[in-house]
Amino acid sequence: MAICPICQTEVNDYTEVYISPYNQQKYKKYECPNCDVHWWEPLKIIPKFYEEEALEGYVSRHEGLRKNLDLRHKVFFECFPKNKKGKLLDVGCGNGVFLKEAQKHGFEIWGIDFDKQSIKAAKKNLGIDTLYNMSLEEFHNFAKKKNIKFDVITFFEVLEHQDRPMEFLQMVKDLLKDEGYIAGSVPNREGLFRKIDWKYFHGDYPPHHFLRFSQTALYKTLELAGFKNVEIIKLDFPKEKLPLYLEKKLFGNIDKLKIWLKSKAVGNHRIAISLAVEDIDKFSCSIFIPILKILKNLRNIILYPFTLPYWGKLKGKGRHLYFQAVNYGK
């Protein structure tokens, strides 16, 4: 038996077993019939997982390779109330790409991340002193002592990592001013290619992600935490990502070959793991670069006919759910 970390419902049977290649830990997945959240047991964060770069995305964070806004960040600037500014805290700020754009939009920016390498990259990127290598719990204690409150708190791709999600949301609430906003995103477990994600990637499994949300589960979670005016937007699946997923669907996982080819171009296997082909010429002048770009374009051309049946299925079937809501006090 397990207890739902969102609504405290008792759930007797697990539905899936996963053994992590990171620590060989056996995890069991439970599905709550009350709030619709799915979660994994044992439910326990391992902080060093992030600094050890167990997943390729953390290499790009630490090296500052990704400097463009993600789609979920762009939705924030499109949908967030234009008249709401002030002090903004980004929880899990990574290398600060979102904060840099928020600063351009008139926010006073603050950021925290318990991954010290990400904070180091963010400080280099932003050049400000309101960035902290702290967990939310540590920052909550720090901010309460200094009587710091925020107008907006964002957390993109953070809630699914939590082992005590409701405590996390209550600390966020406690740091907000009355009528302050939260905004952020979580992976959408009902996205178009989630089964391929789960088959070939370890990112949506523990000890990285512990929670899986549907639109219903996310809405209920935020309401149970006491937030009002909850809005959830199901992002569309981007057409440009179709060839990547169809490649895996049709040919399986050929990432080792692709990383080997990129490492030949940049001369660094670690960097090659998370560097996109179109960005390689920023790091190298290798003669392999034009060949890699030709191969990627050729792949896209070959797979284009296979993408056509999916064009009508992209609406609301993206990899993420965006949310925003209001804090009206206790």
Protein backbone atom coordinates (compact mmCIF):
# COMPACT_ATOMS: atom_id res chain seq x y z
CA MET A 1 0.00 0.00 0.00
CA ALA A 2 1.12 3.58 -0.71
CA ILE A 3 -0.25 7.00 0.20
CA CYS A 4 -0.85 9.52 -2.59
CA PRO A 5 1.54 12.47 -2.05
CA ILE A 6 -1.11 14.90 -3.33
CA CYS A 7 -4.44 13.95 -1.74
CA GLN A 8 -3.41 11.27 0.81
CA THR A 9 -5.60 8.58 -0.74
CA GLU A 10 -4.50 5.02 0.02
CA VAL A 11 -3.59 3.03 -3.10
CA ASN A 12 -3.05 -0.70 -2.75
CA ASP A 13 -1.62 -1.87 -6.06
CA TYR A 14 1.22 -0.57 -8.21
CA THR A 15 0.95 -0.61 -12.00
CA GLU A 16 4.57 -0.65 -13.19
CA VAL A 17 8.09 -1.47 -11.99
CA TYR A 18 11.16 0.45 -13.16
CA ILE A 19 14.80 -0.24 -12.30
CA SER A 20 16.90 2.89 -12.63
CA PRO A 21 20.18 2.51 -14.56
CA TYR A 22 21.54 5.32 -12.39
CA ASN A 23 21.37 3.57 -9.00
CA GLN A 24 19.77 0.16 -9.78
CA GLN A 25 16.94 1.08 -7.41
CA LYS A 26 13.61 -0.64 -8.03
CA TYR A 27 10.75 1.87 -8.22
CA LYS A 28 7.02 1.10 -8.27
CA LYS A 29 4.45 3.35 -9.96
CA TYR A 30 1.08 4.03 -8.32
CA GLU A 31 -1.97 5.75 -9.82
CA CYS A 32 -4.34 7.71 -7.61
CA PRO A 33 -8.06 7.15 -8.41
CA ASN A 34 -8.98 10.35 -6.56
CA CYS A 35 -6.69 13.13 -7.86
CA ASP A 36 -5.42 11.26 -10.97
CA VAL A 37 -1.71 11.82 -10.22
CA HIS A 38 0.77 9.01 -10.93
CA TRP A 39 3.85 8.70 -8.71
CA TRP A 40 6.80 6.44 -7.97
CA GLU A 41 7.90 4.82 -4.73
CA PRO A 42 10.32 5.10 -3.01
CA LEU A 43 9.64 8.81 -3.23
CA LYS A 44 12.99 10.37 -2.37
CA ILE A 45 15.04 13.02 -4.19
CA ILE A 46 18.75 12.35 -4.76
CA PRO A 47 20.35 15.83 -5.13
CA LYS A 48 23.70 14.58 -6.47
CA PHE A 49 21.87 13.04 -9.46
CA TYR A 50 21.77 16.52 -11.03
CA GLU A 51 25.36 17.62 -10.44
CA GLU A 52 26.67 14.26 -11.67
CA GLU A 53 24.99 14.99 -15.04
CA ALA A 54 23.18 11.67 -15.05
CA LEU A 55 21.03 13.05 -17.89
CA GLU A 56 22.34 14.84 -20.96
CA GLY A 57 20.20 17.95 -20.38
CA TYR A 58 22.31 18.90 -17.40
CA VAL A 59 25.45 19.11 -19.52
CA SER A 60 23.79 21.78 -21.65
CA ARG A 61 22.69 23.65 -18.51
CA HIS A 62 26.12 23.58 -16.94
CA GLU A 63 27.91 24.57 -20.14
CA GLY A 64 25.37 27.24 -21.12
CA LEU A 65 24.72 25.50 -24.45
CA ARG A 66 20.99 26.23 -24.52
CA LYS A 67 20.38 29.96 -24.78
CA ASN A 68 17.00 30.00 -26.53
CA LEU A 69 13.68 30.08 -24.70
CA ASP A 70 11.75 26.82 -24.57
CA LEU A 71 8.17 26.79 -25.84
CA ARG A 72 6.81 26.63 -22.28
CA HIS A 73 8.74 29.84 -21.44
CA LYS A 74 7.36 31.57 -24.52
CA VAL A 75 3.81 30.69 -23.41
CA PHE A 76 4.47 32.51 -20.13
CA PHE A 77 5.28 35.76 -21.93
CA GLU A 78 2.26 35.30 -24.21
CA CYS A 79 -0.32 34.37 -21.56
CA PHE A 80 0.82 35.90 -18.27
CA PRO A 81 -1.05 39.13 -17.35
CA LYS A 82 0.82 42.02 -18.95
CA ASN A 83 0.07 44.37 -16.05
CA LYS A 84 1.60 42.04 -13.46
CA LYS A 85 5.26 42.88 -12.80
CA GLY A 86 7.42 43.17 -9.69
CA LYS A 87 9.68 40.72 -7.95
CA LEU A 88 9.91 37.32 -9.68
CA LEU A 89 11.51 34.19 -8.22
CA ASP A 90 12.29 31.32 -10.58
CA VAL A 91 12.62 28.01 -8.70
CA GLY A 92 14.95 25.63 -10.53
CA CYS A 93 16.31 28.49 -12.61
CA GLY A 94 18.97 26.41 -14.42
CA ASN A 95 21.38 28.58 -16.37
CA GLY A 96 19.05 31.59 -16.22
CA VAL A 97 17.74 31.72 -19.80
CA PHE A 98 14.14 32.35 -18.66
CA LEU A 99 15.22 34.92 -16.07
CA LYS A 100 17.17 36.87 -18.66
CA GLU A 101 14.03 37.24 -20.77
CA ALA A 102 11.90 38.06 -17.70
CA GLN A 103 14.32 40.87 -16.87
CA LYS A 104 13.80 42.30 -20.37
CA HIS A 105 10.05 42.29 -19.66
CA GLY A 106 10.46 44.46 -16.57
CA PHE A 107 10.62 41.93 -13.73
CA GLU A 108 13.06 42.15 -10.83
CA ILE A 109 14.61 38.73 -11.11
CA TRP A 110 15.64 36.21 -8.45
CA GLY A 111 16.55 32.56 -8.92
CA ILE A 112 17.35 29.42 -6.94
CA ASP A 113 18.60 25.97 -7.90
CA PHE A 114 20.06 23.25 -5.69
CA ASP A 115 22.40 22.32 -8.55
CA LYS A 116 25.45 24.52 -7.86
CA GLN A 117 26.79 24.11 -11.39
CA SER A 118 23.56 25.53 -12.82
CA ILE A 119 23.78 28.53 -10.49
CA LYS A 120 27.38 29.09 -11.54
CA ALA A 121 26.24 29.14 -15.19
CA ALA A 122 23.32 31.47 -14.35
CA LYS A 123 25.58 33.96 -12.57
CA LYS A 124 27.88 33.99 -15.58
CA ASN A 125 24.89 34.50 -17.87
CA LEU A 126 23.09 37.18 -15.83
CA GLY A 127 25.72 38.92 -13.71
CA ILE A 128 23.37 39.52 -10.76
CA ASP A 129 23.67 38.66 -7.06
CA THR A 130 20.09 37.46 -6.45
CA LEU A 131 20.86 33.87 -7.50
CA TYR A 132 21.21 31.23 -4.80
CA ASN A 133 22.44 27.65 -4.67
CA MET A 134 19.65 26.55 -2.32
CA SER A 135 16.72 24.19 -2.13
CA LEU A 136 13.31 25.85 -1.84
CA GLU A 137 13.23 24.91 1.85
CA GLU A 138 16.58 26.63 2.47
CA PHE A 139 15.55 29.71 0.51
CA HIS A 140 12.17 29.81 2.27
CA ASN A 141 13.94 30.06 5.64
CA PHE A 142 16.33 32.70 4.25
CA ALA A 143 13.52 34.82 2.75
CA LYS A 144 11.32 34.59 5.86
CA LYS A 145 14.15 35.92 8.03
CA LYS A 146 14.61 38.86 5.68
CA ASN A 147 10.86 39.36 5.17
CA ILE A 148 11.11 38.93 1.40
CA LYS A 149 7.91 38.31 -0.56
CA PHE A 150 7.39 37.87 -4.28
CA ASP A 151 4.83 39.04 -6.81
CA VAL A 152 5.44 36.04 -9.06
CA ILE A 153 7.01 32.63 -8.46
CA THR A 154 7.72 30.43 -11.45
CA PHE A 155 8.75 26.79 -11.55
CA PHE A 156 9.14 25.23 -14.97
CA GLU A 157 9.67 21.45 -14.98
CA VAL A 158 10.17 21.40 -11.20
CA LEU A 159 6.98 20.09 -9.57
CA GLU A 160 7.39 16.60 -11.06
CA HIS A 161 10.78 16.27 -9.31
CA GLN A 162 9.38 16.78 -5.81
CA ASP A 163 9.19 14.08 -3.16
CA ARG A 164 6.98 16.29 -0.95
CA PRO A 165 4.96 18.19 -3.57
CA MET A 166 2.31 19.66 -1.28
CA GLU A 167 4.95 20.99 1.13
CA PHE A 168 6.73 22.47 -1.87
CA LEU A 169 3.55 24.25 -2.98
CA GLN A 170 2.82 25.51 0.54
CA MET A 171 6.31 27.03 0.76
CA VAL A 172 5.75 28.70 -2.62
CA LYS A 173 2.43 30.04 -1.34
CA ASP A 174 4.07 31.34 1.82
CA LEU A 175 6.64 33.29 -0.21
CA LEU A 176 4.00 34.97 -2.37
CA LYS A 177 2.29 38.26 -1.69
CA ASP A 178 -1.50 38.22 -1.53
CA GLU A 179 -2.79 38.13 -5.11
CA GLY A 180 0.65 36.99 -6.23
CA TYR A 181 0.91 34.56 -9.13
CA ILE A 182 2.49 31.21 -9.76
CA ALA A 183 3.32 29.99 -13.26
CA GLY A 184 5.24 27.09 -14.70
CA SER A 185 5.01 23.77 -16.48
CA VAL A 186 5.13 20.02 -16.00
CA PRO A 187 5.47 17.13 -18.49
CA ASN A 188 2.16 16.09 -20.00
CA ARG A 189 1.78 12.35 -19.51
CA GLU A 190 -0.94 12.36 -22.19
CA GLY A 191 1.29 13.88 -24.88
CA LEU A 192 1.47 12.48 -28.40
CA PHE A 193 4.73 10.53 -28.12
CA ARG A 194 4.98 9.86 -24.38
CA LYS A 195 5.33 6.10 -24.92
CA ILE A 196 8.39 6.72 -27.08
CA ASP A 197 9.79 9.06 -24.43
CA TRP A 198 9.28 6.38 -21.78
CA LYS A 199 10.82 3.67 -23.96
CA TYR A 200 13.98 5.46 -25.08
CA PHE A 201 14.63 8.17 -22.50
CA HIS A 202 15.07 7.97 -18.73
CA GLY A 203 14.14 11.60 -18.05
CA ASP A 204 10.54 10.94 -17.02
CA TYR A 205 11.49 8.23 -14.54
CA PRO A 206 12.91 8.34 -11.00
CA PRO A 207 15.18 9.46 -9.51
CA HIS A 208 14.67 12.34 -11.98
CA HIS A 209 10.88 12.64 -12.16
CA PHE A 210 8.69 11.18 -9.42
CA LEU A 211 5.28 12.55 -10.45
CA ARG A 212 3.32 12.33 -13.70
CA PHE A 213 0.48 14.74 -14.39
CA SER A 214 -2.52 14.86 -16.68
CA GLN A 215 -4.42 18.11 -17.09
CA THR A 216 -6.94 16.86 -14.50
CA ALA A 217 -4.25 15.82 -12.01
CA LEU A 218 -2.43 19.14 -12.27
CA TYR A 219 -5.64 21.14 -11.85
CA LYS A 220 -6.63 19.17 -8.75
CA THR A 221 -3.12 19.47 -7.29
CA LEU A 222 -3.05 23.26 -7.56
CA GLU A 223 -6.59 23.58 -6.21
CA LEU A 224 -5.83 21.31 -3.24
CA ALA A 225 -2.80 23.50 -2.51
CA GLY A 226 -5.14 26.48 -2.18
CA PHE A 227 -4.51 28.36 -5.43
CA LYS A 228 -7.38 30.07 -7.23
CA ASN A 229 -8.15 31.01 -10.84
CA VAL A 230 -6.16 28.00 -12.00
CA GLU A 231 -5.49 28.03 -15.74
CA ILE A 232 -3.89 25.10 -17.56
CA ILE A 233 -2.85 25.16 -21.20
CA LYS A 234 -2.03 21.97 -23.05
CA LEU A 235 0.82 22.90 -25.37
CA ASP A 236 0.81 21.73 -28.97
CA PHE A 237 3.34 19.21 -30.19
CA PRO A 238 5.87 21.12 -32.36
CA LYS A 239 5.95 19.96 -35.98
CA GLU A 240 9.73 20.32 -36.12
CA LYS A 241 10.08 17.58 -33.48
CA LEU A 242 8.17 14.99 -35.51
CA PRO A 243 11.21 13.64 -37.42
CA LEU A 244 13.11 12.96 -34.17
CA TYR A 245 10.25 10.93 -32.70
CA LEU A 246 9.46 9.12 -35.92
CA GLU A 247 13.14 8.23 -36.23
CA LYS A 248 12.89 6.43 -32.90
CA LYS A 249 9.54 4.88 -33.71
CA LEU A 250 10.78 3.48 -37.03
CA PHE A 251 14.47 2.76 -36.38
CA GLY A 252 14.83 2.54 -32.60
CA ASN A 253 17.49 4.33 -30.58
CA ILE A 254 20.50 5.35 -32.71
CA ASP A 255 21.68 8.04 -30.28
CA LYS A 256 25.09 6.42 -29.73
CA LEU A 257 25.88 6.74 -33.44
CA LYS A 258 24.68 10.35 -33.52
CA ILE A 259 26.75 11.28 -30.44
CA TRP A 260 29.82 9.58 -31.96
CA LEU A 261 29.43 11.61 -35.15
CA LYS A 262 29.00 14.87 -33.22
CA SER A 263 31.99 14.09 -31.00
CA LYS A 264 34.11 13.76 -34.15
CA ALA A 265 33.09 17.30 -35.05
CA VAL A 266 33.57 18.98 -31.66
CA GLY A 267 36.30 16.75 -30.24
CA ASN A 268 34.51 16.46 -26.91
CA HIS A 269 32.20 13.54 -26.13
CA ARG A 270 30.63 15.23 -23.08
CA ILE A 271 29.64 18.33 -25.08
CA ALA A 272 28.49 16.25 -28.05
CA ILE A 273 25.92 14.45 -25.87
CA SER A 274 23.60 17.45 -25.68
CA LEU A 275 24.74 19.73 -28.49
CA ALA A 276 22.28 20.15 -31.37
CA VAL A 277 23.69 19.73 -34.87
CA GLU A 278 22.66 23.26 -35.85
CA ASP A 279 24.73 24.68 -32.97
CA ILE A 280 27.95 22.73 -33.60
CA ASP A 281 29.54 25.45 -35.74
CA LYS A 282 29.53 27.70 -32.63
CA PHE A 283 32.05 25.33 -31.04
CA SER A 284 34.05 23.95 -33.95
CA CYS A 285 35.18 24.52 -37.53
CA SER A 286 35.45 20.81 -38.30
CA ILE A 287 34.95 19.52 -41.84
CA PHE A 288 32.45 17.06 -40.30
CA ILE A 289 29.93 19.85 -39.60
CA PRO A 290 28.54 20.23 -43.16
CA ILE A 291 28.27 16.44 -43.37
CA LEU A 292 26.28 16.30 -40.13
CA LYS A 293 23.92 19.03 -41.30
CA ILE A 294 23.39 17.25 -44.60
CA LEU A 295 22.65 13.98 -42.77
CA LYS A 296 20.11 15.68 -40.50
CA ASN A 297 18.37 17.40 -43.43
CA LEU A 298 18.35 14.11 -45.33
CA ARG A 299 16.75 12.38 -42.35
CA ASN A 300 14.05 15.06 -42.22
CA ILE A 301 13.36 14.76 -45.95
CA ILE A 302 13.11 10.95 -45.80
CA LEU A 303 10.80 11.02 -42.78
CA TYR A 304 8.62 13.92 -43.97
CA PRO A 305 5.98 11.71 -45.65
CA PHE A 306 5.63 9.75 -42.39
CA THR A 307 4.87 12.97 -40.48
CA LEU A 308 1.76 13.82 -42.51
CA PRO A 309 -0.67 11.52 -40.62
CA TYR A 310 0.29 13.28 -37.36
CA TRP A 311 -0.34 16.86 -38.45
CA GLY A 312 -3.95 16.73 -37.33
CA LYS A 313 -3.02 15.29 -33.93
CA LEU A 314 -0.64 17.98 -32.65
CA LYS A 315 -3.14 20.31 -30.97
CA GLY A 316 -2.87 20.05 -27.18
CA LYS A 317 -0.67 16.95 -27.46
CA GLY A 318 2.70 18.51 -26.72
CA ARG A 319 5.19 17.36 -24.13
CA HIS A 320 4.20 19.95 -21.51
CA LEU A 321 1.31 21.46 -19.59
CA TYR A 322 1.62 25.18 -18.78
CA PHE A 323 -0.14 26.52 -15.68
CA GLN A 324 -0.75 29.79 -13.86
CA ALA A 325 -2.81 30.57 -10.78
CA VAL A 326 -3.33 33.18 -8.07
CA ASN A 327 -2.62 33.18 -4.34
CA TYR A 328 -5.41 34.83 -2.36
CA GLY A 329 -3.82 34.19 1.03
CA LYS A 330 -4.57 31.42 3.49
